[in-house]
Amino acid sequence: MNPRLTKGQQKTICSHLGRVRLQLLYKASIHGFTGAAFHQHCDTRSPTVSVGYNALGYIFGGHTKQPFSQSGQHMADNQAFLFTVSRDKLIKYPVTDPAKAVKMVVESGPYFGEALVLVNGSQPVVLSSPGKHYNFTAAEMHGNDLNLTECEVYQVKELTEMERPWRTVIWKSETRTELMDKIRTYKPLIHSVARARVLLIGPVGVGKSSFFNSINSVFRGHITSQAMAGCSTTSLTTQFRTYSLKDGREGKPLPIILCDTMGLEENTGAGLNVDDTMTILKGHLPDRYQFNPSAPLHLDAHGYRESSGLEDKIHCVAYVIDACKVSIMPSKLEEKMNAIRKKINSLGVPQLALLTKVDEACPLVEEDVANVYKSFYIEEKMQEASTRLGLPLSCIIPVKNYNRELELNLNCDILLLSAVNQMLRFSDNYFDDVSDHFSNMKTKE
């Protein structure tokens, strides 16, 4: 059940309610434009934001702290208000008669005084009476279009901060230095391999390319943008790319290569082809290979490596997931990721997940990235990612990429470097398995 309110619109509404987030309870197009459906999903829940949509494109509704019921009575709420959202700006219409702020009507949806009713009489229509306990102009609020195309009710949930973080991180410059040194001095357990290769896999727009740019920025000491990144509905990455990281502008190559792929898309014949994943994992895919979403790579493709060495193979896979969208991941996309995970499991390649955009998902983290492990909401999103991907919670790592900043931030650096450090640890697990396999083969001989 996907919310119709955009992330920006939710943020606009929440900015008038404090440190909160919105959780969708009721969606009329799914549950039904009836009073019974509304009450079934919303009664006893509070505070709430009720939102109506019409064909003219107006978004309007009301907020109350009173839990909905079917009592037939008016309920007092001196903080209730009606609103309309226009271009991510909220126009508020405060209650003028708090004693009659909301009414609990069995056969109707959200009922604000006598001024605004969404889903009136179990019909997809609006009852609008300006001046009755709320003052507003009908033309400004909803353009006088009283037919509903959608109605949603969200519960307002407070973003509380934990007393103690559930993961321990020391947010000091010494930590950043220590993590950078660990990465610089890392050596794969198998001496024939110079650098660990990590494959980034994820939907379009989650920040795979931005992750490389961000890590590159940390070691360069300033913001960089080598890999193509930005906002698009289709993948900006159309080639298989292998990115080497350097320790400074003219420094030595770091012992890790980040491999970027075309973004996953839910539709068949779009985005990264599932079968190409195996080819990448086995090290057959050449750098700058041009993806063809409608067909997997053929053996006669230009640059195809028939025989690949251990240094060409993928040693760790990192799924990249948007914290803002993990709850609304389309089922077809989730199925695609599960199919890829099964293929990766068959090759014994360790897997983890990067949860990106944690600052956009949670105001507490937006204030200070160091709050990431104090946020109940981020913990919840990480649990969701764990469930959807079938990975232990210990394999889910939150990060904040650089995308708006002009200067580096210590706490962002620590999260990013911690993610790379985990990638190297997981790569060691892969090398351990390979070494054990070779040892067993020699023993049998």
Protein backbone atom coordinates (compact mmCIF):
# COMPACT_ATOMS: atom_id res chain seq x y z
CA MET A 1 0.00 0.00 0.00
CA ASN A 2 1.83 3.05 -1.30
CA PRO A 3 1.08 6.52 0.09
CA ARG A 4 -0.10 9.02 -2.50
CA LEU A 5 1.45 11.90 -0.59
CA THR A 6 4.94 12.49 -1.91
CA LYS A 7 7.92 12.51 0.41
CA GLY A 8 8.06 16.30 0.08
CA GLN A 9 4.36 16.71 0.89
CA GLN A 10 4.66 14.47 3.94
CA LYS A 11 7.64 16.51 5.10
CA THR A 12 5.65 19.74 4.62
CA ILE A 13 2.79 18.45 6.77
CA CYS A 14 5.12 17.01 9.42
CA SER A 15 6.94 20.34 9.71
CA HIS A 16 3.75 21.74 11.31
CA LEU A 17 3.44 18.84 13.75
CA GLY A 18 6.94 18.55 15.27
CA ARG A 19 9.39 15.65 15.14
CA VAL A 20 7.02 13.16 13.58
CA ARG A 21 6.48 10.83 10.65
CA LEU A 22 3.29 9.66 8.91
CA GLN A 23 2.14 6.04 8.76
CA LEU A 24 -0.60 5.20 6.25
CA LEU A 25 -3.61 3.52 7.89
CA TYR A 26 -6.41 3.80 5.34
CA LYS A 27 -6.51 4.21 1.56
CA ALA A 28 -10.01 4.43 0.11
CA SER A 29 -9.08 3.11 -3.34
CA ILE A 30 -7.89 -0.11 -1.66
CA HIS A 31 -10.06 -0.43 1.46
CA GLY A 32 -13.23 1.16 0.08
CA PHE A 33 -14.93 4.57 0.05
CA THR A 34 -17.13 3.62 3.00
CA GLY A 35 -17.52 4.68 6.59
CA ALA A 36 -17.19 1.05 7.68
CA ALA A 37 -13.82 0.63 5.96
CA PHE A 38 -12.57 3.94 7.35
CA HIS A 39 -13.56 3.07 10.92
CA GLN A 40 -12.19 -0.46 10.64
CA HIS A 41 -8.70 0.85 9.87
CA CYS A 42 -8.65 4.14 11.79
CA ASP A 43 -10.72 3.89 14.97
CA THR A 44 -8.78 4.38 18.24
CA ARG A 45 -5.70 5.59 16.31
CA SER A 46 -4.39 9.09 16.99
CA PRO A 47 -3.21 11.69 16.21
CA THR A 48 -4.13 11.52 12.53
CA VAL A 49 -3.87 13.44 9.29
CA SER A 50 -6.74 12.86 6.84
CA VAL A 51 -6.14 13.75 3.19
CA GLY A 52 -8.51 14.11 0.25
CA TYR A 53 -7.60 14.30 -3.44
CA ASN A 54 -9.75 15.46 -6.36
CA ALA A 55 -9.53 15.49 -10.16
CA LEU A 56 -8.42 19.12 -10.20
CA GLY A 57 -5.25 18.12 -8.35
CA TYR A 58 -6.12 19.65 -4.98
CA ILE A 59 -4.74 18.00 -1.84
CA PHE A 60 -6.61 18.96 1.32
CA GLY A 61 -7.77 17.58 4.65
CA GLY A 62 -7.52 17.89 8.39
CA HIS A 63 -5.52 17.03 11.50
CA THR A 64 -6.84 16.01 14.91
CA LYS A 65 -5.43 14.55 18.09
CA GLN A 66 -8.73 12.87 18.90
CA PRO A 67 -8.99 9.13 18.13
CA PHE A 68 -11.79 8.29 15.70
CA SER A 69 -14.79 6.28 16.89
CA GLN A 70 -18.44 5.63 16.00
CA SER A 71 -20.00 7.39 18.99
CA GLY A 72 -21.96 9.97 16.99
CA GLN A 73 -20.63 12.70 19.30
CA HIS A 74 -18.61 15.86 18.74
CA MET A 75 -15.13 15.77 20.28
CA ALA A 76 -13.12 18.77 21.49
CA ASP A 77 -9.67 19.49 20.06
CA ASN A 78 -8.16 22.96 20.32
CA GLN A 79 -5.22 21.94 18.13
CA ALA A 80 -7.25 20.63 15.20
CA PHE A 81 -6.90 22.31 11.83
CA LEU A 82 -7.88 21.92 8.20
CA PHE A 83 -5.37 22.46 5.43
CA THR A 84 -4.60 22.48 1.74
CA VAL A 85 -1.23 21.61 0.21
CA SER A 86 -0.08 23.69 -2.73
CA ARG A 87 3.39 23.28 -4.26
CA ASP A 88 4.73 21.69 -1.07
CA LYS A 89 3.39 24.59 1.01
CA LEU A 90 0.74 24.08 3.66
CA ILE A 91 -2.10 26.57 4.18
CA LYS A 92 -3.70 26.00 7.60
CA TYR A 93 -7.24 26.77 8.72
CA PRO A 94 -7.30 26.48 12.57
CA VAL A 95 -10.45 25.34 14.38
CA THR A 96 -12.65 28.25 15.50
CA ASP A 97 -14.92 26.21 17.79
CA PRO A 98 -12.67 23.66 19.55
CA ALA A 99 -15.61 22.00 21.33
CA LYS A 100 -16.91 20.77 17.96
CA ALA A 101 -13.60 20.17 16.21
CA VAL A 102 -14.43 16.62 15.05
CA LYS A 103 -17.53 14.46 14.91
CA MET A 104 -17.69 10.68 15.08
CA VAL A 105 -20.14 9.55 12.38
CA VAL A 106 -20.68 5.88 11.60
CA GLU A 107 -21.43 6.08 7.87
CA SER A 108 -18.82 8.70 7.00
CA GLY A 109 -15.07 9.10 6.88
CA PRO A 110 -13.06 11.84 8.65
CA TYR A 111 -15.61 14.42 9.86
CA PHE A 112 -14.24 17.81 10.91
CA GLY A 113 -16.97 19.72 12.72
CA GLU A 114 -19.56 20.48 10.08
CA ALA A 115 -16.99 22.12 7.82
CA LEU A 116 -15.29 19.25 5.99
CA VAL A 117 -16.19 15.60 5.58
CA LEU A 118 -14.16 13.18 3.47
CA VAL A 119 -16.14 10.15 2.21
CA ASN A 120 -19.57 11.53 3.08
CA GLY A 121 -22.36 9.02 3.61
CA SER A 122 -20.13 6.19 2.36
CA GLN A 123 -19.71 7.90 -1.02
CA PRO A 124 -16.50 9.21 -2.67
CA VAL A 125 -17.59 12.80 -2.16
CA VAL A 126 -16.74 15.76 0.05
CA LEU A 127 -19.10 17.71 2.31
CA SER A 128 -17.79 21.26 2.50
CA SER A 129 -19.32 24.04 4.62
CA PRO A 130 -16.87 26.94 5.18
CA GLY A 131 -17.41 28.80 8.43
CA LYS A 132 -18.86 25.92 10.45
CA HIS A 133 -16.19 25.62 13.16
CA TYR A 134 -13.41 26.29 10.61
CA ASN A 135 -12.93 29.30 8.34
CA PHE A 136 -11.64 28.70 4.83
CA THR A 137 -12.42 29.51 1.22
CA ALA A 138 -13.72 26.54 -0.74
CA ALA A 139 -12.05 27.70 -3.95
CA GLU A 140 -8.67 27.92 -2.19
CA MET A 141 -8.98 24.64 -0.31
CA HIS A 142 -10.33 22.29 -2.99
CA GLY A 143 -11.32 24.36 -6.02
CA ASN A 144 -15.02 23.54 -5.44
CA ASP A 145 -14.45 20.02 -6.79
CA LEU A 146 -16.33 17.85 -4.28
CA ASN A 147 -15.68 14.47 -5.89
CA LEU A 148 -12.90 12.41 -4.33
CA THR A 149 -10.41 10.48 -6.44
CA GLU A 150 -8.67 9.26 -3.28
CA CYS A 151 -8.84 9.56 0.49
CA GLU A 152 -6.07 8.59 2.89
CA VAL A 153 -5.67 8.66 6.65
CA TYR A 154 -2.23 8.68 8.25
CA GLN A 155 -1.34 8.17 11.89
CA VAL A 156 1.11 10.74 13.22
CA LYS A 157 3.97 9.00 15.02
CA GLU A 158 6.49 10.80 17.17
CA LEU A 159 10.15 10.34 16.31
CA THR A 160 11.61 9.62 19.71
CA GLU A 161 15.28 9.26 20.50
CA MET A 162 16.67 6.26 22.37
CA GLU A 163 18.49 6.85 25.62
CA ARG A 164 21.37 4.75 24.34
CA PRO A 165 22.33 3.90 20.76
CA TRP A 166 21.72 0.25 19.84
CA ARG A 167 25.02 0.15 17.96
CA THR A 168 28.12 1.72 19.46
CA VAL A 169 30.03 4.23 17.36
CA ILE A 170 32.63 6.70 18.62
CA TRP A 171 31.98 9.87 16.65
CA LYS A 172 35.49 11.36 16.78
CA SER A 173 38.12 12.26 14.22
CA GLU A 174 40.30 9.48 15.64
CA THR A 175 37.67 6.97 14.53
CA ARG A 176 37.74 8.29 10.98
CA THR A 177 41.56 8.11 10.95
CA GLU A 178 41.53 4.56 12.32
CA LEU A 179 38.98 3.39 9.72
CA MET A 180 40.90 5.00 6.87
CA ASP A 181 44.12 3.33 8.04
CA LYS A 182 42.39 -0.08 8.20
CA ILE A 183 41.25 0.31 4.61
CA ARG A 184 44.64 1.55 3.42
CA THR A 185 46.51 -1.37 4.99
CA TYR A 186 44.01 -4.10 4.10
CA LYS A 187 45.40 -7.09 2.20
CA PRO A 188 43.23 -9.92 0.85
CA LEU A 189 43.86 -13.26 2.57
CA ILE A 190 44.74 -14.80 -0.81
CA HIS A 191 48.02 -13.24 -1.94
CA SER A 192 47.31 -13.65 -5.65
CA VAL A 193 44.47 -11.12 -5.30
CA ALA A 194 45.52 -7.51 -4.88
CA ARG A 195 42.13 -5.91 -4.31
CA ALA A 196 38.70 -6.99 -3.08
CA ARG A 197 35.92 -6.52 -5.65
CA VAL A 198 32.53 -5.44 -4.30
CA LEU A 199 29.42 -5.40 -6.50
CA LEU A 200 26.74 -2.77 -5.82
CA ILE A 201 23.20 -3.87 -6.70
CA GLY A 202 20.00 -1.92 -6.17
CA PRO A 203 16.98 -0.17 -7.73
CA VAL A 204 17.25 2.97 -9.83
CA GLY A 205 18.05 6.14 -7.88
CA VAL A 206 19.04 4.60 -4.54
CA GLY A 207 22.60 5.97 -4.60
CA LYS A 208 24.96 3.25 -5.91
CA SER A 209 27.06 5.66 -7.97
CA SER A 210 26.76 8.27 -5.22
CA PHE A 211 28.23 5.80 -2.73
CA PHE A 212 31.39 5.46 -4.83
CA ASN A 213 31.59 9.25 -5.22
CA SER A 214 31.18 9.66 -1.46
CA ILE A 215 33.93 7.17 -0.56
CA ASN A 216 36.16 8.74 -3.18
CA SER A 217 35.46 12.13 -1.61
CA VAL A 218 36.52 10.95 1.84
CA PHE A 219 39.93 9.78 0.61
CA ARG A 220 40.41 12.80 -1.67
CA GLY A 221 39.61 15.17 1.19
CA HIS A 222 36.94 17.06 -0.75
CA ILE A 223 33.66 16.41 -2.58
CA THR A 224 34.11 14.62 -5.93
CA SER A 225 31.74 13.33 -8.60
CA GLN A 226 33.51 10.84 -10.85
CA ALA A 227 30.63 8.39 -11.29
CA MET A 228 27.48 9.65 -13.00
CA ALA A 229 24.81 10.20 -10.36
CA GLY A 230 21.59 12.15 -10.14
CA CYS A 231 17.79 11.95 -10.18
CA SER A 232 16.11 9.92 -12.92
CA THR A 233 13.28 7.41 -13.33
CA THR A 234 15.58 5.16 -15.34
CA SER A 235 19.15 4.13 -14.58
CA LEU A 236 21.83 6.73 -15.29
CA THR A 237 24.37 3.88 -15.20
CA THR A 238 24.03 1.96 -18.48
CA GLN A 239 27.42 0.24 -18.41
CA PHE A 240 29.14 -2.15 -16.06
CA ARG A 241 31.79 -0.01 -14.38
CA THR A 242 34.66 -0.92 -12.10
CA TYR A 243 35.85 2.00 -9.98
CA SER A 244 39.25 2.05 -8.33
CA LEU A 245 39.70 4.23 -5.28
CA LYS A 246 42.86 6.22 -4.68
CA ASP A 247 44.35 7.42 -1.43
CA GLY A 248 44.45 11.11 -2.28
CA ARG A 249 44.65 12.89 -5.63
CA GLU A 250 47.87 11.18 -6.72
CA GLY A 251 47.94 8.48 -4.09
CA LYS A 252 48.22 4.71 -4.32
CA PRO A 253 45.19 2.64 -5.32
CA LEU A 254 43.25 1.41 -2.30
CA PRO A 255 42.76 -2.37 -1.92
CA ILE A 256 39.09 -2.32 -3.01
CA ILE A 257 37.27 -1.98 -6.32
CA LEU A 258 33.60 -0.94 -6.35
CA CYS A 259 31.65 -2.38 -9.27
CA ASP A 260 28.58 -0.43 -10.36
CA THR A 261 25.70 -1.91 -12.32
CA MET A 262 22.61 -0.72 -14.13
CA GLY A 263 19.78 -0.09 -11.66
CA LEU A 264 17.14 -2.75 -11.01
CA GLU A 265 13.64 -2.01 -12.31
CA GLU A 266 10.41 -3.86 -11.58
CA ASN A 267 9.31 -4.25 -15.21
CA THR A 268 10.49 -7.17 -17.32
CA GLY A 269 13.01 -6.12 -19.96
CA ALA A 270 14.05 -3.02 -18.03
CA GLY A 271 17.04 -2.35 -15.81
CA LEU A 272 19.69 -4.92 -14.87
CA ASN A 273 19.03 -8.36 -16.34
CA VAL A 274 18.98 -10.98 -13.56
CA ASP A 275 21.04 -13.43 -15.63
CA ASP A 276 23.79 -10.84 -16.15
CA THR A 277 24.35 -10.93 -12.38
CA MET A 278 25.87 -14.41 -12.58
CA THR A 279 28.16 -13.33 -15.41
CA ILE A 280 29.36 -10.37 -13.34
CA LEU A 281 29.88 -12.52 -10.24
CA LYS A 282 32.00 -15.02 -12.15
CA GLY A 283 34.21 -12.26 -13.51
CA HIS A 284 33.32 -12.65 -17.19
CA LEU A 285 31.89 -9.17 -17.71
CA PRO A 286 34.33 -6.58 -19.06
CA ASP A 287 34.56 -3.03 -17.73
CA ARG A 288 32.32 -0.59 -19.63
CA TYR A 289 30.13 -3.40 -20.96
CA GLN A 290 26.93 -1.82 -22.31
CA PHE A 291 23.91 -3.43 -20.67
CA ASN A 292 20.98 -4.72 -22.73
CA PRO A 293 18.04 -5.07 -20.30
CA SER A 294 16.02 -7.18 -22.74
CA ALA A 295 18.72 -9.84 -23.21
CA PRO A 296 21.51 -11.32 -21.07
CA LEU A 297 25.17 -11.16 -22.04
CA HIS A 298 26.24 -13.63 -24.75
CA LEU A 299 29.55 -15.49 -24.85
CA ASP A 300 30.49 -13.76 -28.08
CA ALA A 301 30.01 -10.24 -26.64
CA HIS A 302 32.93 -7.88 -27.14
CA GLY A 303 35.43 -8.23 -24.32
CA TYR A 304 33.83 -11.32 -22.77
CA ARG A 305 36.34 -13.16 -20.57
CA GLU A 306 36.01 -16.89 -21.22
CA SER A 307 38.41 -17.74 -18.42
CA SER A 308 38.47 -15.44 -15.40
CA GLY A 309 40.80 -15.52 -12.44
CA LEU A 310 39.94 -15.14 -8.78
CA GLU A 311 40.94 -11.45 -8.96
CA ASP A 312 38.24 -10.88 -11.63
CA LYS A 313 35.39 -12.40 -9.60
CA ILE A 314 33.13 -10.61 -7.14
CA HIS A 315 34.14 -11.18 -3.53
CA CYS A 316 31.25 -9.38 -1.80
CA VAL A 317 27.82 -8.05 -2.87
CA ALA A 318 26.28 -4.92 -1.37
CA TYR A 319 22.59 -4.29 -2.00
CA VAL A 320 21.78 -0.58 -1.94
CA ILE A 321 18.32 0.33 -0.60
CA ASP A 322 16.64 3.73 -0.13
CA ALA A 323 15.50 4.10 3.51
CA CYS A 324 12.59 6.28 2.34
CA LYS A 325 11.26 3.58 0.00
CA VAL A 326 12.01 0.27 1.70
CA SER A 327 8.41 0.09 3.01
CA ILE A 328 6.89 0.65 -0.43
CA MET A 329 9.17 -1.56 -2.50
CA PRO A 330 7.09 -2.94 -5.41
CA SER A 331 6.49 -6.68 -5.15
CA LYS A 332 7.95 -7.36 -8.62
CA LEU A 333 11.15 -5.54 -7.67
CA GLU A 334 11.37 -7.51 -4.43
CA GLU A 335 10.92 -10.73 -6.42
CA LYS A 336 13.77 -9.69 -8.75
CA MET A 337 16.07 -9.01 -5.80
CA ASN A 338 15.19 -12.35 -4.21
CA ALA A 339 15.98 -14.13 -7.50
CA ILE A 340 19.36 -12.39 -7.62
CA ARG A 341 20.05 -13.23 -3.95
CA LYS A 342 19.43 -16.94 -4.62
CA LYS A 343 21.89 -16.89 -7.52
CA ILE A 344 24.49 -15.15 -5.34
CA ASN A 345 23.91 -17.64 -2.52
CA SER A 346 24.60 -20.50 -4.94
CA LEU A 347 28.09 -19.09 -5.52
CA GLY A 348 28.78 -18.55 -1.82
CA VAL A 349 29.43 -14.81 -2.16
CA PRO A 350 28.88 -12.87 1.14
CA GLN A 351 26.16 -10.21 1.03
CA LEU A 352 25.29 -7.08 3.00
CA ALA A 353 23.05 -4.08 2.42
CA LEU A 354 23.58 -0.33 2.49
CA LEU A 355 20.56 1.65 3.68
CA THR A 356 20.96 5.05 2.02
CA LYS A 357 19.24 8.43 2.52
CA VAL A 358 18.78 7.89 6.26
CA ASP A 359 18.86 11.67 6.74
CA GLU A 360 15.92 12.15 4.37
CA ALA A 361 13.97 9.38 6.10
CA CYS A 362 14.32 10.68 9.66
CA PRO A 363 14.44 14.30 10.93
CA LEU A 364 16.56 13.23 13.93
CA VAL A 365 19.26 11.96 11.60
CA GLU A 366 18.88 14.98 9.34
CA GLU A 367 19.78 17.14 12.37
CA ASP A 368 22.82 15.01 13.15
CA VAL A 369 23.95 11.81 11.42
CA ALA A 370 25.31 10.65 14.79
CA ASN A 371 21.68 10.03 15.82
CA VAL A 372 21.35 7.19 13.29
CA TYR A 373 21.58 4.45 15.93
CA LYS A 374 19.39 6.38 18.36
CA SER A 375 16.48 6.61 15.94
CA PHE A 376 13.66 4.12 16.49
CA TYR A 377 12.49 4.87 12.96
CA ILE A 378 15.81 4.03 11.31
CA GLU A 379 16.02 0.83 13.36
CA GLU A 380 12.54 -0.03 12.05
CA LYS A 381 13.62 0.65 8.44
CA MET A 382 16.71 -1.52 8.93
CA GLN A 383 14.53 -4.33 10.28
CA GLU A 384 12.31 -4.01 7.20
CA ALA A 385 15.31 -4.14 4.88
CA SER A 386 16.56 -7.21 6.75
CA THR A 387 13.21 -8.98 6.27
CA ARG A 388 12.76 -8.02 2.62
CA LEU A 389 16.28 -9.01 1.61
CA GLY A 390 16.51 -12.08 3.81
CA LEU A 391 19.70 -10.84 5.47
CA PRO A 392 20.51 -10.68 9.21
CA LEU A 393 20.16 -7.23 10.80
CA SER A 394 23.93 -7.27 11.40
CA CYS A 395 24.35 -7.13 7.61
CA ILE A 396 22.32 -3.90 7.22
CA ILE A 397 24.49 -0.77 7.31
CA PRO A 398 23.04 2.77 7.22
CA VAL A 399 24.93 5.41 5.23
CA LYS A 400 24.49 9.00 4.16
CA ASN A 401 25.98 9.78 0.74
CA TYR A 402 27.22 13.21 -0.21
CA ASN A 403 24.77 14.76 -2.66
CA ARG A 404 24.03 18.33 -1.51
CA GLU A 405 27.12 19.18 0.50
CA LEU A 406 30.14 21.17 -0.63
CA GLU A 407 32.31 20.10 2.32
CA LEU A 408 32.94 16.79 4.09
CA ASN A 409 31.27 15.94 7.39
CA LEU A 410 33.00 13.86 10.08
CA ASN A 411 29.95 11.78 11.03
CA CYS A 412 29.04 11.05 7.40
CA ASP A 413 32.63 9.96 6.78
CA ILE A 414 32.53 7.55 9.72
CA LEU A 415 29.35 5.86 8.47
CA LEU A 416 30.73 5.58 4.93
CA LEU A 417 34.09 4.22 6.06
CA SER A 418 32.38 1.76 8.42
CA ALA A 419 30.47 0.40 5.43
CA VAL A 420 33.68 -0.10 3.43
CA ASN A 421 35.33 -1.77 6.42
CA GLN A 422 32.43 -4.26 6.61
CA MET A 423 32.78 -4.95 2.87
CA LEU A 424 36.42 -5.87 3.39
CA ARG A 425 35.56 -8.11 6.34
CA PHE A 426 32.92 -9.89 4.25
CA SER A 427 35.41 -10.24 1.40
CA ASP A 428 37.75 -11.96 3.87
CA ASN A 429 34.96 -14.47 4.53
CA TYR A 430 34.90 -15.24 0.80
CA PHE A 431 38.68 -15.65 0.66
CA ASP A 432 38.55 -17.90 3.74
CA ASP A 433 36.06 -20.19 1.97
CA VAL A 434 38.22 -20.30 -1.17
CA SER A 435 41.33 -21.14 0.90
CA ASP A 436 39.45 -23.88 2.77
CA HIS A 437 38.24 -25.31 -0.53
CA PHE A 438 41.78 -25.41 -1.97
CA SER A 439 43.10 -26.98 1.24
CA ASN A 440 40.46 -29.73 1.11
CA MET A 441 41.24 -30.40 -2.55
CA LYS A 442 44.96 -30.83 -1.72
CA THR A 443 44.12 -33.12 1.20
CA LYS A 444 42.05 -35.38 -1.04
CA GLU A 445 44.91 -35.57 -3.54
